[in-house]
C-alpha atoms as a PDB file:
ATOM      1  CA  MET A   1      96.198  70.045  97.969  1.00  0.00           C
ATOM      2  CA  ASN A   2      94.821  70.504  94.457  1.00  0.00           C
ATOM      3  CA  ASN A   3      97.394  71.506  91.863  1.00  0.00           C
ATOM      4  CA  GLN A   4      97.182  73.807  88.923  1.00  0.00           C
ATOM      5  CA  LEU A   5      96.692  70.967  86.443  1.00  0.00           C
ATOM      6  CA  THR A   6      93.254  70.023  87.776  1.00  0.00           C
ATOM      7  CA  LYS A   7      90.601  70.333  85.077  1.00  0.00           C
ATOM      8  CA  ARG A   8      89.063  73.802  85.263  1.00  0.00           C
ATOM      9  CA  GLN A   9      85.746  75.320  84.192  1.00  0.00           C
ATOM     10  CA  ILE A  10      85.915  78.295  81.793  1.00  0.00           C
ATOM     11  CA  SER A  11      82.761  80.356  81.224  1.00  0.00           C
ATOM     12  CA  ILE A  12      82.445  82.851  78.384  1.00  0.00           C
ATOM     13  CA  LEU A  13      80.153  85.873  78.382  1.00  0.00           C
ATOM     14  CA  SER A  14      79.967  87.127  74.812  1.00  0.00           C
ATOM     15  CA  THR A  15      77.585  87.745  71.934  1.00  0.00           C
ATOM     16  CA  ASP A  16      80.427  88.212  69.440  1.00  0.00           C
ATOM     17  CA  GLU A  17      80.294  85.320  66.972  1.00  0.00           C
ATOM     18  CA  THR A  18      83.987  85.722  66.085  1.00  0.00           C
ATOM     19  CA  THR A  19      85.037  85.568  69.710  1.00  0.00           C
ATOM     20  CA  LEU A  20      82.876  82.514  70.376  1.00  0.00           C
ATOM     21  CA  LYS A  21      84.186  80.751  67.291  1.00  0.00           C
ATOM     22  CA  LEU A  22      87.824  81.402  68.181  1.00  0.00           C
ATOM     23  CA  LEU A  23      87.491  80.415  71.828  1.00  0.00           C
ATOM     24  CA  GLY A  24      85.406  77.408  70.954  1.00  0.00           C
ATOM     25  CA  ALA A  25      88.464  75.932  69.275  1.00  0.00           C
ATOM     26  CA  ALA A  26      89.837  75.196  72.725  1.00  0.00           C
ATOM     27  CA  SER A  27      86.786  73.257  73.922  1.00  0.00           C
ATOM     28  CA  THR A  28      88.518  69.880  73.526  1.00  0.00           C
ATOM     29  CA  THR A  29      91.504  70.686  75.733  1.00  0.00           C
ATOM     30  CA  PRO A  30      92.088  68.054  78.430  1.00  0.00           C
ATOM     31  CA  HIS A  31      92.712  70.673  81.120  1.00  0.00           C
ATOM     32  CA  PHE A  32      89.634  72.888  80.615  1.00  0.00           C
ATOM     33  CA  SER A  33      85.893  72.528  80.237  1.00  0.00           C
ATOM     34  CA  ILE A  34      84.347  75.431  78.336  1.00  0.00           C
ATOM     35  CA  GLU A  35      80.786  76.762  78.412  1.00  0.00           C
ATOM     36  CA  VAL A  36      79.221  79.726  76.638  1.00  0.00           C
ATOM     37  CA  LEU A  37      76.803  81.557  78.919  1.00  0.00           C
ATOM     38  CA  SER A  38      73.302  82.099  77.634  1.00  0.00           C
ATOM     39  CA  ASP A  39      72.199  85.543  76.414  1.00  0.00           C
ATOM     40  CA  ALA A  40      69.618  85.329  79.179  1.00  0.00           C
ATOM     41  CA  THR A  41      72.326  85.294  81.873  1.00  0.00           C
ATOM     42  CA  SER A  42      71.633  88.057  84.375  1.00  0.00           C
ATOM     43  CA  LEU A  43      74.030  90.033  86.518  1.00  0.00           C
ATOM     44  CA  ASP A  44      72.819  88.097  89.555  1.00  0.00           C
ATOM     45  CA  ASP A  45      73.611  84.851  87.673  1.00  0.00           C
ATOM     46  CA  LEU A  46      77.185  86.072  87.122  1.00  0.00           C
ATOM     47  CA  LEU A  47      77.632  86.981  90.770  1.00  0.00           C
ATOM     48  CA  THR A  48      76.634  83.460  91.874  1.00  0.00           C
ATOM     49  CA  LEU A  49      78.275  81.573  89.023  1.00  0.00           C
ATOM     50  CA  HIS A  50      80.542  78.695  90.054  1.00  0.00           C
ATOM     51  CA  THR A  51      83.407  78.711  87.593  1.00  0.00           C
ATOM     52  CA  ASP A  52      87.226  78.936  87.673  1.00  0.00           C
ATOM     53  CA  VAL A  53      87.678  81.353  84.796  1.00  0.00           C
ATOM     54  CA  LEU A  54      85.246  83.957  83.452  1.00  0.00           C
ATOM     55  CA  ILE A  55      86.042  85.529  80.083  1.00  0.00           C
ATOM     56  CA  ILE A  56      84.056  88.737  79.608  1.00  0.00           C
ATOM     57  CA  ASP A  57      83.710  90.301  76.188  1.00  0.00           C
ATOM     58  CA  ASP A  58      82.870  93.995  75.848  1.00  0.00           C
ATOM     59  CA  GLN A  59      80.163  92.757  73.475  1.00  0.00           C
ATOM     60  CA  ASN A  60      77.682  91.010  75.749  1.00  0.00           C
ATOM     61  CA  ALA A  61      73.948  90.773  76.370  1.00  0.00           C
ATOM     62  CA  LEU A  62      74.159  92.772  79.615  1.00  0.00           C
ATOM     63  CA  ASN A  63      75.343  95.869  77.708  1.00  0.00           C
ATOM     64  CA  LEU A  64      77.981  96.598  80.349  1.00  0.00           C
ATOM     65  CA  SER A  65      81.672  97.016  79.566  1.00  0.00           C
ATOM     66  CA  ALA A  66      84.010  94.149  80.403  1.00  0.00           C
ATOM     67  CA  ILE A  67      85.865  96.420  82.833  1.00  0.00           C
ATOM     68  CA  ASP A  68      82.673  97.450  84.651  1.00  0.00           C
ATOM     69  CA  LEU A  69      81.650  93.817  84.970  1.00  0.00           C
ATOM     70  CA  CYS A  70      85.077  92.875  86.339  1.00  0.00           C
ATOM     71  CA  LYS A  71      84.707  95.575  88.982  1.00  0.00           C
ATOM     72  CA  ILE A  72      81.226  94.410  90.017  1.00  0.00           C
ATOM     73  CA  ILE A  73      82.109  90.714  90.063  1.00  0.00           C
ATOM     74  CA  ARG A  74      85.423  91.211  91.906  1.00  0.00           C
ATOM     75  CA  LEU A  75      83.631  92.875  94.810  1.00  0.00           C
ATOM     76  CA  LYS A  76      81.699  89.628  95.339  1.00  0.00           C
ATOM     77  CA  ASN A  77      84.204  87.029  94.186  1.00  0.00           C
ATOM     78  CA  GLU A  78      87.953  87.191  94.887  1.00  0.00           C
ATOM     79  CA  GLU A  79      88.695  83.716  93.577  1.00  0.00           C
ATOM     80  CA  VAL A  80      87.495  83.588  89.961  1.00  0.00           C
ATOM     81  CA  ILE A  81      89.993  84.439  87.243  1.00  0.00           C
ATOM     82  CA  LEU A  82      88.633  87.355  85.219  1.00  0.00           C
ATOM     83  CA  ILE A  83      89.776  88.036  81.669  1.00  0.00           C
ATOM     84  CA  ALA A  84      88.440  91.113  79.877  1.00  0.00           C
ATOM     85  CA  LEU A  85      88.224  91.282  76.073  1.00  0.00           C
ATOM     86  CA  ALA A  86      87.975  94.587  74.231  1.00  0.00           C
ATOM     87  CA  ASP A  87      87.765  95.624  70.564  1.00  0.00           C
ATOM     88  CA  MET A  88      90.898  97.741  70.874  1.00  0.00           C
ATOM     89  CA  PHE A  89      93.898  97.513  73.184  1.00  0.00           C
ATOM     90  CA  GLU A  90      94.638 100.685  75.148  1.00  0.00           C
ATOM     91  CA  GLN A  91      97.292 100.844  77.815  1.00  0.00           C
ATOM     92  CA  THR A  92      95.182 103.085  80.070  1.00  0.00           C
ATOM     93  CA  LEU A  93      92.300 100.628  79.878  1.00  0.00           C
ATOM     94  CA  LYS A  94      94.587  97.713  80.719  1.00  0.00           C
ATOM     95  CA  ILE A  95      95.776  99.587  83.795  1.00  0.00           C
ATOM     96  CA  LEU A  96      92.191 100.341  84.802  1.00  0.00           C
ATOM     97  CA  ALA A  97      91.120  96.728  84.212  1.00  0.00           C
ATOM     98  CA  LEU A  98      93.928  95.383  86.424  1.00  0.00           C
ATOM     99  CA  GLU A  99      93.158  97.906  89.131  1.00  0.00           C
ATOM    100  CA  LEU A 100      89.486  96.974  89.161  1.00  0.00           C
ATOM    101  CA  GLY A 101      90.102  93.247  89.496  1.00  0.00           C
ATOM    102  CA  ALA A 102      90.755  91.762  86.061  1.00  0.00           C
ATOM    103  CA  ASP A 103      93.544  89.229  85.895  1.00  0.00           C
ATOM    104  CA  ASP A 104      94.220  90.035  82.258  1.00  0.00           C
ATOM    105  CA  TYR A 105      93.039  92.400  79.517  1.00  0.00           C
ATOM    106  CA  LEU A 106      93.286  91.417  75.850  1.00  0.00           C
ATOM    107  CA  ALA A 107      92.357  92.906  72.524  1.00  0.00           C
ATOM    108  CA  LYS A 108      90.081  91.107  70.097  1.00  0.00           C
ATOM    109  CA  PRO A 109      90.137  89.040  68.011  1.00  0.00           C
ATOM    110  CA  ALA A 110      90.981  86.706  70.869  1.00  0.00           C
ATOM    111  CA  ASN A 111      93.576  84.083  70.054  1.00  0.00           C
ATOM    112  CA  HIS A 112      92.453  81.020  71.978  1.00  0.00           C
ATOM    113  CA  LEU A 113      95.993  79.652  72.284  1.00  0.00           C
ATOM    114  CA  GLU A 114      97.203  82.874  73.861  1.00  0.00           C
ATOM    115  CA  ILE A 115      94.228  82.942  76.261  1.00  0.00           C
ATOM    116  CA  MET A 116      94.836  79.339  77.316  1.00  0.00           C
ATOM    117  CA  VAL A 117      98.494  80.070  78.015  1.00  0.00           C
ATOM    118  CA  ARG A 118      97.621  83.174  80.031  1.00  0.00           C
ATOM    119  CA  ILE A 119      95.045  81.252  82.047  1.00  0.00           C
ATOM    120  CA  LYS A 120      97.573  78.504  82.803  1.00  0.00           C
ATOM    121  CA  VAL A 121     100.159  81.093  83.886  1.00  0.00           C
ATOM    122  CA  THR A 122      97.578  82.788  86.132  1.00  0.00           C
ATOM    123  CA  LEU A 123      96.538  79.450  87.680  1.00  0.00           C
ATOM    124  CA  LYS A 124     100.176  78.546  88.301  1.00  0.00           C
ATOM    125  CA  ARG A 125     100.810  81.936  89.909  1.00  0.00           C
ATOM    126  CA  MET A 126      97.753  81.552  92.134  1.00  0.00           C
ATOM    127  CA  TYR A 127      98.892  78.085  93.156  1.00  0.00           C
ATOM    128  CA  VAL A 128     102.326  79.412  94.114  1.00  0.00           C
ATOM    129  CA  ILE A 129     100.761  82.291  96.075  1.00  0.00           C
ATOM    130  CA  GLN A 130      98.383  79.925  97.888  1.00  0.00           C
ATOM    131  CA  LYS A 131     101.273  77.596  98.715  1.00  0.00           C
ATOM    132  CA  MET A 132     103.307  80.566  99.958  1.00  0.00           C
ATOM    133  CA  ALA A 133     100.369  81.714 102.134  1.00  0.00           C
ATOM    134  CA  LEU A 134      99.937  78.254 103.643  1.00  0.00           C
ATOM    135  CA  GLU A 135     103.633  78.140 104.479  1.00  0.00           C
ATOM    136  CA  ALA A 136     103.619  81.691 105.820  1.00  0.00           C
ATOM    137  CA  ASP A 137     100.860  81.128 108.403  1.00  0.00           C
ATOM    138  CA  GLU A 138     100.749  84.195 110.697  1.00  0.00           C
ATOM    139  CA  PHE A 139     102.785  87.365 110.832  1.00  0.00           C
ATOM    140  CA  LYS A 140     102.956  90.319 113.220  1.00  0.00           C
ATOM    141  CA  PHE A 141     104.545  93.694 112.532  1.00  0.00           C
ATOM    142  CA  ASN A 142     104.118  96.681 114.792  1.00  0.00           C
ATOM    143  CA  ASP A 143     100.320  97.085 115.153  1.00  0.00           C
ATOM    144  CA  LEU A 144      99.549  94.696 112.271  1.00  0.00           C
ATOM    145  CA  TYR A 145      98.508  91.056 112.477  1.00  0.00           C
ATOM    146  CA  LEU A 146      98.157  89.036 109.280  1.00  0.00           C
ATOM    147  CA  ASP A 147      96.650  85.571 109.008  1.00  0.00           C
ATOM    148  CA  ALA A 148      97.876  84.342 105.641  1.00  0.00           C
ATOM    149  CA  GLN A 149      95.656  81.272 105.462  1.00  0.00           C
ATOM    150  CA  ARG A 150      92.445  83.235 106.020  1.00  0.00           C
ATOM    151  CA  HIS A 151      93.614  86.380 104.200  1.00  0.00           C
ATOM    152  CA  LYS A 152      92.791  88.389 107.319  1.00  0.00           C
ATOM    153  CA  CYS A 153      94.490  91.593 108.432  1.00  0.00           C
ATOM    154  CA  VAL A 154      93.918  93.198 111.854  1.00  0.00           C
ATOM    155  CA  VAL A 155      95.084  96.677 112.867  1.00  0.00           C
ATOM    156  CA  ASN A 156      94.979  97.602 116.546  1.00  0.00           C
ATOM    157  CA  GLY A 157      92.410  94.850 117.097  1.00  0.00           C
ATOM    158  CA  ILE A 158      90.181  95.988 114.225  1.00  0.00           C
ATOM    159  CA  GLU A 159      89.882  93.970 111.017  1.00  0.00           C
ATOM    160  CA  LEU A 160      91.056  95.781 107.915  1.00  0.00           C
ATOM    161  CA  LYS A 161      89.163  94.878 104.746  1.00  0.00           C
ATOM    162  CA  LEU A 162      91.600  94.309 101.900  1.00  0.00           C
ATOM    163  CA  THR A 163      91.315  93.060  98.332  1.00  0.00           C
ATOM    164  CA  ASN A 164      93.285  89.963  97.367  1.00  0.00           C
ATOM    165  CA  HIS A 165      96.067  92.015  95.758  1.00  0.00           C
ATOM    166  CA  GLU A 166      96.190  94.459  98.652  1.00  0.00           C
ATOM    167  CA  PHE A 167      96.490  91.663 101.195  1.00  0.00           C
ATOM    168  CA  LEU A 168      99.206  89.807  99.264  1.00  0.00           C
ATOM    169  CA  THR A 169     101.171  93.015  98.746  1.00  0.00           C
ATOM    170  CA  LEU A 170     101.027  93.901 102.444  1.00  0.00           C
ATOM    171  CA  LEU A 171     101.892  90.310 103.379  1.00  0.00           C
ATOM    172  CA  HIS A 172     104.937  90.389 101.137  1.00  0.00           C
ATOM    173  CA  LEU A 173     106.125  93.678 102.637  1.00  0.00           C
ATOM    174  CA  VAL A 174     105.622  92.383 106.186  1.00  0.00           C
ATOM    175  CA  GLN A 175     107.413  89.117 105.352  1.00  0.00           C
ATOM    176  CA  HIS A 176     110.364  91.234 104.231  1.00  0.00           C
ATOM    177  CA  SER A 177     110.104  93.954 106.877  1.00  0.00           C
ATOM    178  CA  GLY A 178     113.336  95.865 107.255  1.00  0.00           C
ATOM    179  CA  LYS A 179     114.091  95.408 103.552  1.00  0.00           C
ATOM    180  CA  THR A 180     113.081  97.355 100.477  1.00  0.00           C
ATOM    181  CA  VAL A 181     110.993  95.289  98.080  1.00  0.00           C
ATOM    182  CA  SER A 182     111.281  96.329  94.447  1.00  0.00           C
ATOM    183  CA  ARG A 183     108.267  97.176  92.307  1.00  0.00           C
ATOM    184  CA  ALA A 184     109.464  94.550  89.814  1.00  0.00           C
ATOM    185  CA  THR A 185     109.441  91.870  92.524  1.00  0.00           C
ATOM    186  CA  LEU A 186     105.879  92.733  93.525  1.00  0.00           C
ATOM    187  CA  LEU A 187     104.741  92.707  89.880  1.00  0.00           C
ATOM    188  CA  GLN A 188     106.224  89.251  89.404  1.00  0.00           C
ATOM    189  CA  ARG A 189     105.222  87.678  92.728  1.00  0.00           C
ATOM    190  CA  ILE A 190     101.719  89.129  93.186  1.00  0.00           C
ATOM    191  CA  TRP A 191     100.481  89.819  89.640  1.00  0.00           C
ATOM    192  CA  GLY A 192     102.624  87.378  87.655  1.00  0.00           C
ATOM    193  CA  LEU A 193     103.577  90.210  85.309  1.00  0.00           C
ATOM    194  CA  PRO A 194     107.047  90.897  83.861  1.00  0.00           C
ATOM    195  CA  GLY A 195     109.081  93.184  86.117  1.00  0.00           C
ATOM    196  CA  ASP A 196     109.414  95.741  83.344  1.00  0.00           C
ATOM    197  CA  GLU A 197     105.647  95.851  82.645  1.00  0.00           C
ATOM    198  CA  GLN A 198     104.623  99.469  82.092  1.00  0.00           C
ATOM    199  CA  THR A 199     101.337  99.196  84.024  1.00  0.00           C
ATOM    200  CA  ARG A 200     100.920 100.730  87.476  1.00  0.00           C
ATOM    201  CA  PRO A 201      98.940  98.205  89.552  1.00  0.00           C
ATOM    202  CA  VAL A 202     101.595  98.108  92.317  1.00  0.00           C
ATOM    203  CA  ASP A 203     101.632 101.880  92.726  1.00  0.00           C
ATOM    204  CA  ASN A 204      97.858 102.055  92.996  1.00  0.00           C
ATOM    205  CA  VAL A 205      97.620  99.179  95.469  1.00  0.00           C
ATOM    206  CA  ILE A 206     100.304 100.861  97.626  1.00  0.00           C
ATOM    207  CA  ARG A 207      98.335 104.119  97.512  1.00  0.00           C
ATOM    208  CA  ARG A 208      95.146 102.360  98.646  1.00  0.00           C
ATOM    209  CA  LEU A 209      96.998 100.462 101.376  1.00  0.00           C
ATOM    210  CA  ARG A 210      98.430 103.700 102.744  1.00  0.00           C
ATOM    211  CA  LYS A 211      95.000 105.252 102.905  1.00  0.00           C
ATOM    212  CA  LYS A 212      93.466 102.234 104.597  1.00  0.00           C
ATOM    213  CA  LEU A 213      96.247 102.065 107.186  1.00  0.00           C
ATOM    214  CA  THR A 214      95.864 105.785 107.875  1.00  0.00           C
ATOM    215  CA  ASP A 215      92.091 105.483 108.166  1.00  0.00           C
ATOM    216  CA  LYS A 216      92.603 102.796 110.859  1.00  0.00           C
ATOM    217  CA  GLN A 217      95.142 105.038 112.640  1.00  0.00           C
ATOM    218  CA  SER A 218      97.927 102.524 112.119  1.00  0.00           C
ATOM    219  CA  SER A 219     101.481 103.619 112.884  1.00  0.00           C
ATOM    220  CA  SER A 220     102.763 101.193 110.261  1.00  0.00           C
ATOM    221  CA  GLN A 221     103.855 103.099 107.178  1.00  0.00           C
ATOM    222  CA  ILE A 222     104.726 102.022 103.629  1.00  0.00           C
ATOM    223  CA  VAL A 223     107.698 104.139 102.625  1.00  0.00           C
ATOM    224  CA  SER A 224     108.812 104.714  99.023  1.00  0.00           C
ATOM    225  CA  HIS A 225     112.488 104.465  98.226  1.00  0.00           C
ATOM    226  CA  TRP A 226     112.616 106.117  94.829  1.00  0.00           C
ATOM    227  CA  GLY A 227     114.280 103.969  92.219  1.00  0.00           C
ATOM    228  CA  HIS A 228     114.363 100.954  94.585  1.00  0.00           C
ATOM    229  CA  GLY A 229     110.860 100.068  95.774  1.00  0.00           C
ATOM    230  CA  TYR A 230     108.810 100.023  98.979  1.00  0.00           C
ATOM    231  CA  ARG A 231     109.487  99.169 102.600  1.00  0.00           C
ATOM    232  CA  ILE A 232     107.169  98.866 105.614  1.00  0.00           C
ATOM    233  CA  GLU A 233     108.311 100.747 108.684  1.00  0.00           C
ATOM    234  CA  LYS A 234     107.077 101.721 112.128  1.00  0.00           C
ATOM    235  CA  GLY A 235     106.179 105.380 112.234  1.00  0.00           C
ATOM    236  CA  GLU A 236     104.772 107.646 114.868  1.00  0.00           C
ATOM    237  CA  SER A 237     101.502 106.510 116.409  1.00  0.00           C
ATOM    238  CA  CYS A 238      98.369 108.045 114.921  1.00  0.00           C
ATOM    239  CA  LEU A 239      96.405 107.462 118.125  1.00  0.00           C
END
């Protein structure tokens, strides 16, 4: 199995000279190979780009916000690490960015050392999650079947389409069925964020999971235990 220290490709989409100058300082790192994408790069090019990390500046030749680009790219590519850069840091925008698929959201000017550290942390977290999934194999709970290696969820014989974070959250709840899993634990294990982080990605993923389970008429329910966390339980059949 590859480990998190394998040399990785970082691609930068930006027309901001300051950003490019600051990030270019990391181009000699032994663990990363860095390329600046051409101003002629199209949206289709981004969607088919083979890279490990994509740093998207709000200032780019496509004239789309970093958050919008993260949303578009994440729908096509669950694997690439997406880092959004914005001129100003706003908590609400960070929340939105994480919800729409960004792995991190930073204010400019971008400190290349901080970005490299965050990328390494994200890669390490992904490696741990992948290792956990390989060890987990398959799980069944009530009317749910989860194949951890293929990131596949089936409800009553019908495949349920889930994002990466949705699948991993549901997997963690099923792995610990019968127990309440704290929000802080999910933040740390799935997002690699501090347990006291004041963003709401867990809450929004839980909300989406509940809707998707209901839409598939699943009798599996994610129950909130206020002040403690979430637990998956068997409820009344929706059939």
